[in-house]
């Protein structure tokens, strides 16, 4: 896989996404409505200023959740082949969990896990 493969992949991604957007524009019916632009929270119209700044801690919490959630994606294939891998597979998963644990300790030390 060289640079040509990467260029073809990027061109295909741009082409597929452009085609999908164009099909959506052609197929869907566009309506203009003043209520479309209003901010609605749980079906209740908002009152006052709708653009507020959220605490960055919520985003950090979500990113940490994603990191540990994606870890499970790597854990399932390992569990399928762990029996055939023997001690090497066990060593690999111990190192993997150690790296995740260090990341968890770092996030905890920085206060990213404290709910505001």
N, C-alpha and C. Protein backbone atom coordinates (compact mmCIF):
# COMPACT_ATOMS: atom_id res chain seq x y z
N UNK A 1 0.85 -1.18 0.00
CA UNK A 1 0.00 0.00 0.00
C UNK A 1 0.89 1.23 0.00
N UNK A 2 0.85 1.92 -1.06
CA UNK A 2 1.68 3.09 -1.18
C UNK A 2 0.86 4.36 -1.17
N UNK A 3 1.48 5.40 -1.65
CA UNK A 3 0.82 6.71 -1.68
C UNK A 3 -0.34 6.71 -2.66
N UNK A 4 -0.23 5.94 -3.73
CA UNK A 4 -1.30 5.89 -4.72
C UNK A 4 -2.58 5.30 -4.12
N UNK A 5 -2.43 4.30 -3.27
CA UNK A 5 -3.60 3.71 -2.62
C UNK A 5 -4.28 4.71 -1.71
N UNK A 6 -3.49 5.51 -1.01
CA UNK A 6 -4.06 6.52 -0.11
C UNK A 6 -4.79 7.60 -0.90
N UNK A 7 -4.23 7.99 -2.03
CA UNK A 7 -4.89 9.00 -2.87
C UNK A 7 -6.20 8.46 -3.41
N UNK A 8 -6.22 7.21 -3.86
CA UNK A 8 -7.45 6.60 -4.35
C UNK A 8 -8.48 6.52 -3.24
N UNK A 9 -8.06 6.16 -2.03
CA UNK A 9 -8.97 6.07 -0.90
C UNK A 9 -9.58 7.43 -0.54
N UNK A 10 -8.77 8.46 -0.52
CA UNK A 10 -9.26 9.81 -0.23
C UNK A 10 -10.22 10.28 -1.31
N UNK A 11 -9.88 10.04 -2.58
CA UNK A 11 -10.77 10.43 -3.69
C UNK A 11 -12.11 9.68 -3.61
N UNK A 12 -12.07 8.40 -3.28
CA UNK A 12 -13.29 7.62 -3.14
C UNK A 12 -14.14 8.14 -1.99
N UNK A 13 -13.51 8.49 -0.87
CA UNK A 13 -14.26 9.01 0.27
C UNK A 13 -14.94 10.33 -0.07
N UNK A 14 -14.22 11.21 -0.74
CA UNK A 14 -14.80 12.50 -1.13
C UNK A 14 -15.93 12.29 -2.14
N UNK A 15 -15.73 11.39 -3.10
CA UNK A 15 -16.75 11.14 -4.11
C UNK A 15 -18.01 10.55 -3.49
N UNK A 16 -17.86 9.54 -2.62
CA UNK A 16 -19.03 8.92 -2.01
C UNK A 16 -19.79 9.90 -1.13
N UNK A 17 -19.08 10.71 -0.35
CA UNK A 17 -19.77 11.66 0.50
C UNK A 17 -20.46 12.75 -0.31
N UNK A 18 -19.83 13.21 -1.39
CA UNK A 18 -20.45 14.21 -2.26
C UNK A 18 -21.69 13.65 -2.93
N UNK A 19 -21.62 12.43 -3.41
CA UNK A 19 -22.77 11.80 -4.06
C UNK A 19 -23.91 11.63 -3.05
N UNK A 20 -23.60 11.23 -1.83
CA UNK A 20 -24.64 11.05 -0.80
C UNK A 20 -25.32 12.37 -0.47
N UNK A 21 -24.55 13.44 -0.38
CA UNK A 21 -25.13 14.76 -0.09
C UNK A 21 -26.00 15.23 -1.24
N UNK A 22 -25.54 15.03 -2.48
CA UNK A 22 -26.33 15.44 -3.64
C UNK A 22 -27.63 14.65 -3.75
N UNK A 23 -27.59 13.35 -3.48
CA UNK A 23 -28.80 12.54 -3.52
C UNK A 23 -29.78 13.01 -2.45
N UNK A 24 -29.28 13.34 -1.27
CA UNK A 24 -30.14 13.83 -0.20
C UNK A 24 -30.78 15.16 -0.57
N UNK A 25 -30.04 16.03 -1.25
CA UNK A 25 -30.60 17.32 -1.68
C UNK A 25 -31.70 17.14 -2.72
N UNK A 26 -31.50 16.18 -3.63
CA UNK A 26 -32.47 15.96 -4.70
C UNK A 26 -33.72 15.26 -4.17
N UNK A 27 -33.56 14.29 -3.32
CA UNK A 27 -34.67 13.45 -2.88
C UNK A 27 -35.54 14.13 -1.83
N UNK A 28 -34.94 14.85 -0.89
CA UNK A 28 -35.73 15.42 0.20
C UNK A 28 -36.41 16.71 -0.23
N UNK A 29 -37.54 16.95 0.43
CA UNK A 29 -38.30 18.16 0.15
C UNK A 29 -37.83 19.26 1.09
N UNK A 30 -37.45 20.39 0.55
CA UNK A 30 -36.95 21.49 1.35
C UNK A 30 -38.09 22.46 1.66
N UNK A 31 -38.27 22.75 2.92
CA UNK A 31 -39.29 23.72 3.33
C UNK A 31 -38.62 24.80 4.17
N UNK A 32 -39.14 26.00 4.02
CA UNK A 32 -38.65 27.10 4.87
C UNK A 32 -39.70 27.38 5.91
N UNK A 33 -39.28 27.37 7.16
CA UNK A 33 -40.19 27.56 8.26
C UNK A 33 -39.44 28.33 9.34
N UNK A 34 -40.10 29.32 9.94
CA UNK A 34 -39.41 30.11 10.96
C UNK A 34 -39.13 29.29 12.22
N UNK A 35 -39.90 28.24 12.44
CA UNK A 35 -39.70 27.43 13.63
C UNK A 35 -38.51 26.48 13.49
N UNK A 36 -38.05 26.25 12.26
CA UNK A 36 -36.92 25.35 12.06
C UNK A 36 -35.64 25.88 12.71
N UNK A 37 -35.47 27.17 12.74
CA UNK A 37 -34.25 27.75 13.28
C UNK A 37 -34.27 27.94 14.78
N UNK A 38 -35.40 27.70 15.42
CA UNK A 38 -35.49 27.90 16.87
C UNK A 38 -34.84 26.76 17.62
N UNK A 39 -34.24 27.11 18.74
CA UNK A 39 -33.65 26.09 19.61
C UNK A 39 -34.73 25.56 20.54
N UNK A 40 -34.92 24.25 20.53
CA UNK A 40 -35.95 23.64 21.37
C UNK A 40 -35.29 22.57 22.22
N UNK A 41 -35.54 22.61 23.50
CA UNK A 41 -34.99 21.64 24.43
C UNK A 41 -36.11 20.74 24.91
N UNK A 42 -36.08 19.49 24.52
CA UNK A 42 -37.08 18.49 24.96
C UNK A 42 -38.50 18.91 24.62
N UNK A 43 -38.71 19.57 23.52
CA UNK A 43 -40.05 19.95 23.10
C UNK A 43 -40.57 21.22 23.75
N UNK A 44 -39.79 21.81 24.63
CA UNK A 44 -40.21 23.03 25.31
C UNK A 44 -39.44 24.20 24.70
N UNK A 45 -40.15 25.23 24.23
CA UNK A 45 -39.45 26.39 23.67
C UNK A 45 -38.55 27.04 24.72
N UNK A 46 -37.38 27.47 24.29
CA UNK A 46 -36.44 28.09 25.22
C UNK A 46 -36.83 29.52 25.51
N UNK A 47 -36.36 30.00 26.62
CA UNK A 47 -36.57 31.41 26.96
C UNK A 47 -35.22 32.00 27.32
N UNK A 48 -34.97 33.18 26.84
CA UNK A 48 -33.69 33.83 27.11
C UNK A 48 -32.64 33.48 26.08
N UNK A 49 -31.40 33.61 26.49
CA UNK A 49 -30.27 33.38 25.59
C UNK A 49 -30.09 31.89 25.36
N UNK A 50 -30.05 31.46 24.10
CA UNK A 50 -29.94 30.03 23.80
C UNK A 50 -28.51 29.59 23.55
N UNK A 51 -27.64 30.49 23.23
CA UNK A 51 -26.25 30.14 22.99
C UNK A 51 -25.48 30.33 24.29
N UNK A 52 -25.18 29.22 24.96
CA UNK A 52 -24.43 29.28 26.20
C UNK A 52 -23.15 28.48 26.04
N UNK A 53 -22.17 28.83 26.83
CA UNK A 53 -20.89 28.12 26.76
C UNK A 53 -20.92 26.97 27.77
N UNK A 54 -20.66 25.76 27.29
CA UNK A 54 -20.64 24.60 28.15
C UNK A 54 -19.25 24.39 28.71
N UNK A 55 -19.20 23.74 29.84
CA UNK A 55 -17.93 23.44 30.48
C UNK A 55 -17.18 22.40 29.65
N UNK A 56 -15.89 22.61 29.47
CA UNK A 56 -15.09 21.69 28.66
C UNK A 56 -14.97 20.33 29.33
N UNK A 57 -15.26 20.24 30.62
CA UNK A 57 -15.20 18.98 31.34
C UNK A 57 -16.14 17.93 30.77
N UNK A 58 -17.28 18.37 30.24
CA UNK A 58 -18.23 17.43 29.63
C UNK A 58 -17.61 16.77 28.40
N UNK A 59 -16.90 17.54 27.61
CA UNK A 59 -16.26 17.00 26.42
C UNK A 59 -15.12 16.05 26.80
N UNK A 60 -14.35 16.42 27.82
CA UNK A 60 -13.27 15.54 28.28
C UNK A 60 -13.83 14.22 28.79
N UNK A 61 -14.93 14.30 29.53
CA UNK A 61 -15.55 13.09 30.05
C UNK A 61 -16.01 12.20 28.90
N UNK A 62 -16.59 12.81 27.86
CA UNK A 62 -17.05 12.05 26.70
C UNK A 62 -15.89 11.42 25.94
N UNK A 63 -14.79 12.15 25.80
CA UNK A 63 -13.63 11.61 25.10
C UNK A 63 -13.01 10.44 25.87
N UNK A 64 -12.96 10.56 27.18
CA UNK A 64 -12.42 9.46 27.98
C UNK A 64 -13.33 8.25 27.87
N UNK A 65 -14.65 8.48 27.86
CA UNK A 65 -15.58 7.37 27.65
C UNK A 65 -15.32 6.69 26.31
N UNK A 66 -15.10 7.48 25.27
CA UNK A 66 -14.84 6.90 23.95
C UNK A 66 -13.56 6.07 23.94
N UNK A 67 -12.53 6.55 24.62
CA UNK A 67 -11.27 5.80 24.66
C UNK A 67 -11.49 4.44 25.29
N UNK A 68 -12.18 4.41 26.42
CA UNK A 68 -12.38 3.14 27.10
C UNK A 68 -13.45 2.29 26.42
N UNK A 69 -14.32 2.91 25.66
CA UNK A 69 -15.31 2.16 24.90
C UNK A 69 -14.67 1.50 23.68
N UNK A 70 -13.79 2.21 23.02
CA UNK A 70 -13.09 1.66 21.86
C UNK A 70 -12.16 0.53 22.30
N UNK A 71 -11.70 0.60 23.53
CA UNK A 71 -10.86 -0.48 24.06
C UNK A 71 -11.60 -1.81 23.99
N UNK A 72 -12.89 -1.81 24.21
CA UNK A 72 -13.66 -3.05 24.13
C UNK A 72 -13.69 -3.61 22.72
N UNK A 73 -13.62 -2.74 21.73
CA UNK A 73 -13.59 -3.20 20.35
C UNK A 73 -12.35 -4.05 20.11
N UNK A 74 -11.24 -3.70 20.75
CA UNK A 74 -10.01 -4.48 20.61
C UNK A 74 -9.99 -5.69 21.53
N UNK A 75 -10.79 -5.66 22.57
CA UNK A 75 -10.80 -6.76 23.53
C UNK A 75 -11.54 -7.99 22.99
N UNK A 76 -12.61 -7.80 22.24
CA UNK A 76 -13.38 -8.93 21.73
C UNK A 76 -12.60 -9.80 20.75
N UNK A 77 -11.91 -9.24 19.76
CA UNK A 77 -11.12 -10.13 18.88
C UNK A 77 -10.01 -10.85 19.64
N UNK A 78 -9.42 -10.17 20.62
CA UNK A 78 -8.40 -10.83 21.41
C UNK A 78 -8.99 -12.02 22.17
N UNK A 79 -10.18 -11.86 22.71
CA UNK A 79 -10.80 -12.94 23.47
C UNK A 79 -11.09 -14.15 22.59
N UNK A 80 -11.36 -13.92 21.31
CA UNK A 80 -11.65 -15.02 20.40
C UNK A 80 -10.40 -15.86 20.14
N UNK A 81 -9.26 -15.22 20.01
CA UNK A 81 -8.03 -15.95 19.67
C UNK A 81 -7.10 -16.14 20.86
N UNK A 82 -7.54 -15.80 22.06
CA UNK A 82 -6.66 -15.88 23.23
C UNK A 82 -6.22 -17.29 23.53
N UNK A 83 -7.10 -18.26 23.32
CA UNK A 83 -6.76 -19.64 23.62
C UNK A 83 -5.63 -20.14 22.73
N UNK A 84 -5.65 -19.74 21.48
CA UNK A 84 -4.62 -20.16 20.54
C UNK A 84 -3.31 -19.39 20.73
N UNK A 85 -3.39 -18.20 21.31
CA UNK A 85 -2.21 -17.36 21.46
C UNK A 85 -1.30 -17.77 22.60
N UNK A 86 -1.84 -18.43 23.59
CA UNK A 86 -1.03 -18.89 24.71
C UNK A 86 -0.57 -17.75 25.60
N UNK A 87 0.65 -17.91 26.13
CA UNK A 87 1.18 -16.93 27.05
C UNK A 87 1.46 -15.59 26.38
N UNK A 88 1.77 -15.62 25.11
CA UNK A 88 2.06 -14.37 24.39
C UNK A 88 0.81 -13.49 24.33
N UNK A 89 -0.34 -14.12 24.09
CA UNK A 89 -1.60 -13.37 24.05
C UNK A 89 -1.90 -12.76 25.42
N UNK A 90 -1.64 -13.51 26.48
CA UNK A 90 -1.86 -12.99 27.83
C UNK A 90 -0.93 -11.81 28.12
N UNK A 91 0.31 -11.92 27.72
CA UNK A 91 1.27 -10.83 27.92
C UNK A 91 0.83 -9.58 27.15
N UNK A 92 0.37 -9.76 25.93
CA UNK A 92 -0.07 -8.63 25.12
C UNK A 92 -1.24 -7.90 25.76
N UNK A 93 -2.22 -8.66 26.29
CA UNK A 93 -3.38 -8.00 26.88
C UNK A 93 -3.04 -7.36 28.21
N UNK A 94 -2.08 -7.92 28.95
CA UNK A 94 -1.64 -7.29 30.20
C UNK A 94 -0.96 -5.95 29.89
N UNK A 95 -0.13 -5.91 28.86
CA UNK A 95 0.51 -4.65 28.46
C UNK A 95 -0.55 -3.65 28.00
N UNK A 96 -1.53 -4.11 27.24
CA UNK A 96 -2.62 -3.25 26.76
C UNK A 96 -3.38 -2.64 27.93
N UNK A 97 -3.75 -3.46 28.92
CA UNK A 97 -4.47 -2.95 30.08
C UNK A 97 -3.59 -2.04 30.94
N UNK A 98 -2.30 -2.30 30.99
CA UNK A 98 -1.40 -1.44 31.73
C UNK A 98 -1.36 -0.04 31.11
N UNK A 99 -1.29 0.03 29.79
CA UNK A 99 -1.29 1.33 29.10
C UNK A 99 -2.60 2.05 29.36
N UNK A 100 -3.73 1.33 29.31
CA UNK A 100 -5.02 1.96 29.59
C UNK A 100 -5.11 2.43 31.04
N UNK A 101 -4.55 1.65 31.95
CA UNK A 101 -4.58 2.04 33.35
C UNK A 101 -3.76 3.30 33.59
N UNK A 102 -2.62 3.40 32.93
CA UNK A 102 -1.80 4.62 33.04
C UNK A 102 -2.58 5.82 32.50
N UNK A 103 -3.28 5.64 31.39
CA UNK A 103 -4.10 6.72 30.83
C UNK A 103 -5.22 7.10 31.80
N UNK A 104 -5.83 6.10 32.44
CA UNK A 104 -6.88 6.36 33.43
C UNK A 104 -6.32 7.15 34.61
N UNK A 105 -5.15 6.75 35.12
CA UNK A 105 -4.54 7.48 36.23
C UNK A 105 -4.21 8.91 35.85
N UNK A 106 -3.72 9.11 34.64
CA UNK A 106 -3.41 10.46 34.16
C UNK A 106 -4.67 11.32 34.11
N UNK A 107 -5.76 10.76 33.57
CA UNK A 107 -7.01 11.51 33.48
C UNK A 107 -7.55 11.81 34.88
N UNK A 108 -7.42 10.88 35.79
CA UNK A 108 -7.89 11.09 37.16
C UNK A 108 -7.06 12.17 37.85
N UNK A 109 -5.75 12.14 37.62
CA UNK A 109 -4.86 13.15 38.23
C UNK A 109 -5.17 14.55 37.71
N UNK A 110 -5.49 14.65 36.42
CA UNK A 110 -5.80 15.95 35.82
C UNK A 110 -7.20 16.44 36.18
N UNK A 111 -8.02 15.57 36.80
CA UNK A 111 -9.35 15.98 37.21
C UNK A 111 -10.39 15.89 36.10
N UNK A 112 -10.09 15.14 35.06
CA UNK A 112 -11.02 15.03 33.94
C UNK A 112 -12.22 14.16 34.28
N UNK A 113 -12.14 13.38 35.33
CA UNK A 113 -13.24 12.49 35.70
C UNK A 113 -14.17 13.10 36.75
N UNK A 114 -13.88 14.31 37.19
CA UNK A 114 -14.76 14.96 38.16
C UNK A 114 -15.94 15.59 37.42
N UNK A 115 -17.13 15.23 37.83
CA UNK A 115 -18.33 15.77 37.20
C UNK A 115 -18.61 17.15 37.79
N UNK A 116 -18.79 18.12 36.91
CA UNK A 116 -18.96 19.51 37.35
C UNK A 116 -20.40 19.79 37.65
